PDB file of N, CA and C in Angstrom:
ATOM      1  N   MET A   1      98.545  54.027  93.696  1.00  0.00           N
ATOM      2  CA  MET A   1      97.812  52.849  94.087  1.00  0.00           C
ATOM      3  C   MET A   1      96.526  52.836  93.262  1.00  0.00           C
ATOM      4  N   SER A   2      96.276  51.747  92.621  1.00  0.00           N
ATOM      5  CA  SER A   2      95.077  51.676  91.793  1.00  0.00           C
ATOM      6  C   SER A   2      93.837  51.491  92.672  1.00  0.00           C
ATOM      7  N   ALA A   3      92.717  51.775  92.092  1.00  0.00           N
ATOM      8  CA  ALA A   3      91.455  51.652  92.825  1.00  0.00           C
ATOM      9  C   ALA A   3      91.200  50.197  93.228  1.00  0.00           C
ATOM     10  N   VAL A   4      91.627  49.270  92.396  1.00  0.00           N
ATOM     11  CA  VAL A   4      91.444  47.846  92.701  1.00  0.00           C
ATOM     12  C   VAL A   4      92.265  47.462  93.929  1.00  0.00           C
ATOM     13  N   ASP A   5      93.514  47.935  93.978  1.00  0.00           N
ATOM     14  CA  ASP A   5      94.364  47.644  95.134  1.00  0.00           C
ATOM     15  C   ASP A   5      93.792  48.260  96.407  1.00  0.00           C
ATOM     16  N   LYS A   6      93.298  49.484  96.296  1.00  0.00           N
ATOM     17  CA  LYS A   6      92.689  50.128  97.458  1.00  0.00           C
ATOM     18  C   LYS A   6      91.496  49.340  97.947  1.00  0.00           C
ATOM     19  N   ALA A   7      90.670  48.870  97.022  1.00  0.00           N
ATOM     20  CA  ALA A   7      89.476  48.111  97.389  1.00  0.00           C
ATOM     21  C   ALA A   7      89.850  46.787  98.051  1.00  0.00           C
ATOM     22  N   LYS A   8      90.871  46.113  97.504  1.00  0.00           N
ATOM     23  CA  LYS A   8      91.313  44.844  98.095  1.00  0.00           C
ATOM     24  C   LYS A   8      91.855  45.058  99.506  1.00  0.00           C
ATOM     25  N   ASN A   9      92.663  46.097  99.682  1.00  0.00           N
ATOM     26  CA  ASN A   9      93.224  46.379 101.004  1.00  0.00           C
ATOM     27  C   ASN A   9      92.130  46.731 102.000  1.00  0.00           C
ATOM     28  N   LYS A  10      91.152  47.505 101.556  1.00  0.00           N
ATOM     29  CA  LYS A  10      90.047  47.879 102.439  1.00  0.00           C
ATOM     30  C   LYS A  10      89.216  46.651 102.798  1.00  0.00           C
ATOM     31  N   ALA A  11      88.992  45.767 101.820  1.00  0.00           N
ATOM     32  CA  ALA A  11      88.238  44.541 102.089  1.00  0.00           C
ATOM     33  C   ALA A  11      88.980  43.669 103.104  1.00  0.00           C
ATOM     34  N   ASP A  12      90.304  43.563 102.953  1.00  0.00           N
ATOM     35  CA  ASP A  12      91.100  42.788 103.914  1.00  0.00           C
ATOM     36  C   ASP A  12      91.023  43.408 105.302  1.00  0.00           C
ATOM     37  N   GLU A  13      91.080  44.729 105.354  1.00  0.00           N
ATOM     38  CA  GLU A  13      91.011  45.417 106.646  1.00  0.00           C
ATOM     39  C   GLU A  13      89.654  45.178 107.312  1.00  0.00           C
ATOM     40  N   LEU A  14      88.594  45.288 106.530  1.00  0.00           N
ATOM     41  CA  LEU A  14      87.258  45.087 107.086  1.00  0.00           C
ATOM     42  C   LEU A  14      87.033  43.640 107.517  1.00  0.00           C
ATOM     43  N   ALA A  15      87.568  42.695 106.761  1.00  0.00           N
ATOM     44  CA  ALA A  15      87.460  41.282 107.142  1.00  0.00           C
ATOM     45  C   ALA A  15      88.197  41.043 108.458  1.00  0.00           C
ATOM     46  N   GLY A  16      89.366  41.638 108.588  1.00  0.00           N
ATOM     47  CA  GLY A  16      90.126  41.506 109.831  1.00  0.00           C
ATOM     48  C   GLY A  16      89.398  42.129 111.002  1.00  0.00           C
ATOM     49  N   ARG A  17      88.788  43.283 110.747  1.00  0.00           N
ATOM     50  CA  ARG A  17      88.030  43.959 111.797  1.00  0.00           C
ATOM     51  C   ARG A  17      86.843  43.097 112.237  1.00  0.00           C
ATOM     52  N   ALA A  18      86.174  42.459 111.266  1.00  0.00           N
ATOM     53  CA  ALA A  18      85.030  41.594 111.583  1.00  0.00           C
ATOM     54  C   ALA A  18      85.477  40.382 112.397  1.00  0.00           C
ATOM     55  N   LYS A  19      86.605  39.785 112.008  1.00  0.00           N
ATOM     56  CA  LYS A  19      87.131  38.638 112.765  1.00  0.00           C
ATOM     57  C   LYS A  19      87.466  39.057 114.186  1.00  0.00           C
ATOM     58  N   GLU A  20      88.094  40.211 114.300  1.00  0.00           N
ATOM     59  CA  GLU A  20      88.491  40.704 115.627  1.00  0.00           C
ATOM     60  C   GLU A  20      87.259  40.917 116.514  1.00  0.00           C
ATOM     61  N   LYS A  21      86.236  41.552 115.948  1.00  0.00           N
ATOM     62  CA  LYS A  21      85.022  41.824 116.723  1.00  0.00           C
ATOM     63  C   LYS A  21      84.297  40.536 117.093  1.00  0.00           C
ATOM     64  N   SER A  22      84.214  39.585 116.154  1.00  0.00           N
ATOM     65  CA  SER A  22      83.520  38.332 116.463  1.00  0.00           C
ATOM     66  C   SER A  22      84.302  37.530 117.506  1.00  0.00           C
ATOM     67  N   GLY A  23      85.623  37.571 117.422  1.00  0.00           N
ATOM     68  CA  GLY A  23      86.438  36.889 118.418  1.00  0.00           C
ATOM     69  C   GLY A  23      86.265  37.502 119.794  1.00  0.00           C
ATOM     70  N   LYS A  24      86.186  38.826 119.837  1.00  0.00           N
ATOM     71  CA  LYS A  24      85.999  39.514 121.111  1.00  0.00           C
ATOM     72  C   LYS A  24      84.614  39.206 121.688  1.00  0.00           C
ATOM     73  N   ALA A  25      83.597  39.165 120.810  1.00  0.00           N
ATOM     74  CA  ALA A  25      82.226  38.918 121.265  1.00  0.00           C
ATOM     75  C   ALA A  25      82.045  37.498 121.793  1.00  0.00           C
ATOM     76  N   THR A  26      82.746  36.539 121.182  1.00  0.00           N
ATOM     77  CA  THR A  26      82.586  35.145 121.594  1.00  0.00           C
ATOM     78  C   THR A  26      83.640  34.703 122.601  1.00  0.00           C
ATOM     79  N   GLY A  27      84.608  35.565 122.871  1.00  0.00           N
ATOM     80  CA  GLY A  27      85.669  35.217 123.811  1.00  0.00           C
ATOM     81  C   GLY A  27      86.746  34.336 123.193  1.00  0.00           C
ATOM     82  N   ASP A  28      86.774  34.260 121.866  1.00  0.00           N
ATOM     83  CA  ASP A  28      87.763  33.452 121.148  1.00  0.00           C
ATOM     84  C   ASP A  28      88.999  34.315 120.887  1.00  0.00           C
ATOM     85  N   GLU A  29      89.991  34.165 121.743  1.00  0.00           N
ATOM     86  CA  GLU A  29      91.191  34.994 121.645  1.00  0.00           C
ATOM     87  C   GLU A  29      91.981  34.722 120.370  1.00  0.00           C
ATOM     88  N   ASP A  30      91.968  33.474 119.902  1.00  0.00           N
ATOM     89  CA  ASP A  30      92.698  33.136 118.676  1.00  0.00           C
ATOM     90  C   ASP A  30      92.092  33.856 117.476  1.00  0.00           C
ATOM     91  N   ARG A  31      90.775  33.873 117.394  1.00  0.00           N
ATOM     92  CA  ARG A  31      90.108  34.549 116.272  1.00  0.00           C
ATOM     93  C   ARG A  31      90.336  36.060 116.355  1.00  0.00           C
ATOM     94  N   GLU A  32      90.317  36.580 117.559  1.00  0.00           N
ATOM     95  CA  GLU A  32      90.570  38.010 117.751  1.00  0.00           C
ATOM     96  C   GLU A  32      91.992  38.365 117.289  1.00  0.00           C
ATOM     97  N   ALA A  33      92.953  37.533 117.659  1.00  0.00           N
ATOM     98  CA  ALA A  33      94.347  37.765 117.256  1.00  0.00           C
ATOM     99  C   ALA A  33      94.501  37.626 115.739  1.00  0.00           C
ATOM    100  N   GLU A  34      93.791  36.677 115.158  1.00  0.00           N
ATOM    101  CA  GLU A  34      93.838  36.494 113.706  1.00  0.00           C
ATOM    102  C   GLU A  34      93.294  37.740 113.000  1.00  0.00           C
ATOM    103  N   GLY A  35      92.236  38.309 113.538  1.00  0.00           N
ATOM    104  CA  GLY A  35      91.673  39.528 112.970  1.00  0.00           C
ATOM    105  C   GLY A  35      92.639  40.693 113.055  1.00  0.00           C
ATOM    106  N   LYS A  36      93.315  40.818 114.190  1.00  0.00           N
ATOM    107  CA  LYS A  36      94.311  41.882 114.340  1.00  0.00           C
ATOM    108  C   LYS A  36      95.452  41.701 113.351  1.00  0.00           C
ATOM    109  N   ALA A  37      95.865  40.453 113.154  1.00  0.00           N
ATOM    110  CA  ALA A  37      96.944  40.170 112.201  1.00  0.00           C
ATOM    111  C   ALA A  37      96.499  40.507 110.780  1.00  0.00           C
ATOM    112  N   ASP A  38      95.272  40.177 110.437  1.00  0.00           N
ATOM    113  CA  ASP A  38      94.755  40.493 109.099  1.00  0.00           C
ATOM    114  C   ASP A  38      94.717  41.999 108.872  1.00  0.00           C
ATOM    115  N   ARG A  39      94.303  42.740 109.887  1.00  0.00           N
ATOM    116  CA  ARG A  39      94.271  44.203 109.761  1.00  0.00           C
ATOM    117  C   ARG A  39      95.673  44.763 109.598  1.00  0.00           C
ATOM    118  N   ALA A  40      96.615  44.238 110.355  1.00  0.00           N
ATOM    119  CA  ALA A  40      98.007  44.710 110.255  1.00  0.00           C
ATOM    120  C   ALA A  40      98.565  44.415 108.872  1.00  0.00           C
ATOM    121  N   LYS A  41      98.245  43.239 108.337  1.00  0.00           N
ATOM    122  CA  LYS A  41      98.715  42.875 107.000  1.00  0.00           C
ATOM    123  C   LYS A  41      98.144  43.837 105.958  1.00  0.00           C
ATOM    124  N   ALA A  42      96.870  44.167 106.078  1.00  0.00           N
ATOM    125  CA  ALA A  42      96.247  45.107 105.134  1.00  0.00           C
ATOM    126  C   ALA A  42      96.887  46.490 105.247  1.00  0.00           C
ATOM    127  N   ASP A  43      97.190  46.906 106.467  1.00  0.00           N
ATOM    128  CA  ASP A  43      97.846  48.204 106.663  1.00  0.00           C
ATOM    129  C   ASP A  43      99.233  48.236 106.022  1.00  0.00           C
ATOM    130  N   LEU A  44      99.973  47.140 106.158  1.00  0.00           N
ATOM    131  CA  LEU A  44     101.303  47.069 105.557  1.00  0.00           C
ATOM    132  C   LEU A  44     101.228  47.098 104.035  1.00  0.00           C
ATOM    133  N   LYS A  45     100.258  46.390 103.476  1.00  0.00           N
ATOM    134  CA  LYS A  45     100.082  46.409 102.020  1.00  0.00           C
ATOM    135  C   LYS A  45      99.784  47.823 101.547  1.00  0.00           C
ATOM    136  N   SER A  46      98.915  48.491 102.261  1.00  0.00           N
ATOM    137  CA  SER A  46      98.545  49.853 101.899  1.00  0.00           C
ATOM    138  C   SER A  46      99.753  50.779 101.979  1.00  0.00           C
ATOM    139  N   ALA A  47     100.537  50.642 103.028  1.00  0.00           N
ATOM    140  CA  ALA A  47     101.735  51.476 103.177  1.00  0.00           C
ATOM    141  C   ALA A  47     102.728  51.194 102.054  1.00  0.00           C
ATOM    142  N   GLY A  48     102.884  49.938 101.693  1.00  0.00           N
ATOM    143  CA  GLY A  48     103.787  49.582 100.605  1.00  0.00           C
ATOM    144  C   GLY A  48     103.345  50.183  99.288  1.00  0.00           C
ATOM    145  N   GLU A  49     102.044  50.175  99.037  1.00  0.00           N
ATOM    146  CA  GLU A  49     101.519  50.772  97.809  1.00  0.00           C
ATOM    147  C   GLU A  49     101.756  52.286  97.797  1.00  0.00           C
ATOM    148  N   LYS A  50     101.613  52.916  98.944  1.00  0.00           N
ATOM    149  CA  LYS A  50     101.839  54.359  99.029  1.00  0.00           C
ATOM    150  C   LYS A  50     103.299  54.704  98.763  1.00  0.00           C
ATOM    151  N   VAL A  51     104.203  53.875  99.245  1.00  0.00           N
ATOM    152  CA  VAL A  51     105.636  54.088  99.003  1.00  0.00           C
ATOM    153  C   VAL A  51     105.927  53.960  97.515  1.00  0.00           C
ATOM    154  N   LYS A  52     105.349  52.938  96.893  1.00  0.00           N
ATOM    155  CA  LYS A  52     105.555  52.766  95.445  1.00  0.00           C
ATOM    156  C   LYS A  52     105.031  53.974  94.680  1.00  0.00           C
ATOM    157  N   ASP A  53     103.876  54.457  95.085  1.00  0.00           N
ATOM    158  CA  ASP A  53     103.301  55.634  94.422  1.00  0.00           C
ATOM    159  C   ASP A  53     104.201  56.852  94.577  1.00  0.00           C
ATOM    160  N   ALA A  54     104.803  57.007  95.740  1.00  0.00           N
ATOM    161  CA  ALA A  54     105.669  58.164  95.994  1.00  0.00           C
ATOM    162  C   ALA A  54     106.891  58.138  95.062  1.00  0.00           C
ATOM    163  N   PHE A  55     107.411  56.947  94.775  1.00  0.00           N
ATOM    164  CA  PHE A  55     108.576  56.845  93.904  1.00  0.00           C
ATOM    165  C   PHE A  55     108.231  56.985  92.442  1.00  0.00           C
ATOM    166  N   ARG A  56     106.985  56.763  92.095  1.00  0.00           N
ATOM    167  CA  ARG A  56     106.566  56.884  90.700  1.00  0.00           C
ATOM    168  C   ARG A  56     106.413  58.342  90.279  1.00  0.00           C
ATOM    169  N   LYS A  57     106.224  59.237  91.238  1.00  0.00           N
ATOM    170  CA  LYS A  57     105.993  60.645  90.923  1.00  0.00           C
ATOM    171  C   LYS A  57     107.254  61.384  90.632  1.00  0.00           C
TER     172      LYS A  57
END
């Protein structure tokens, strides 16, 4: 996984975490769910990159 991909995945995860926290703070369940979905998407991307790296070795 390249450093750029890691940075993008981390940025997506942090953005999702921020959405989740702001949704929880304001009581906006839709925004909270959107944040959780964004975090899950970032986790899946990261896992996919790790799998690709494992096959390259």
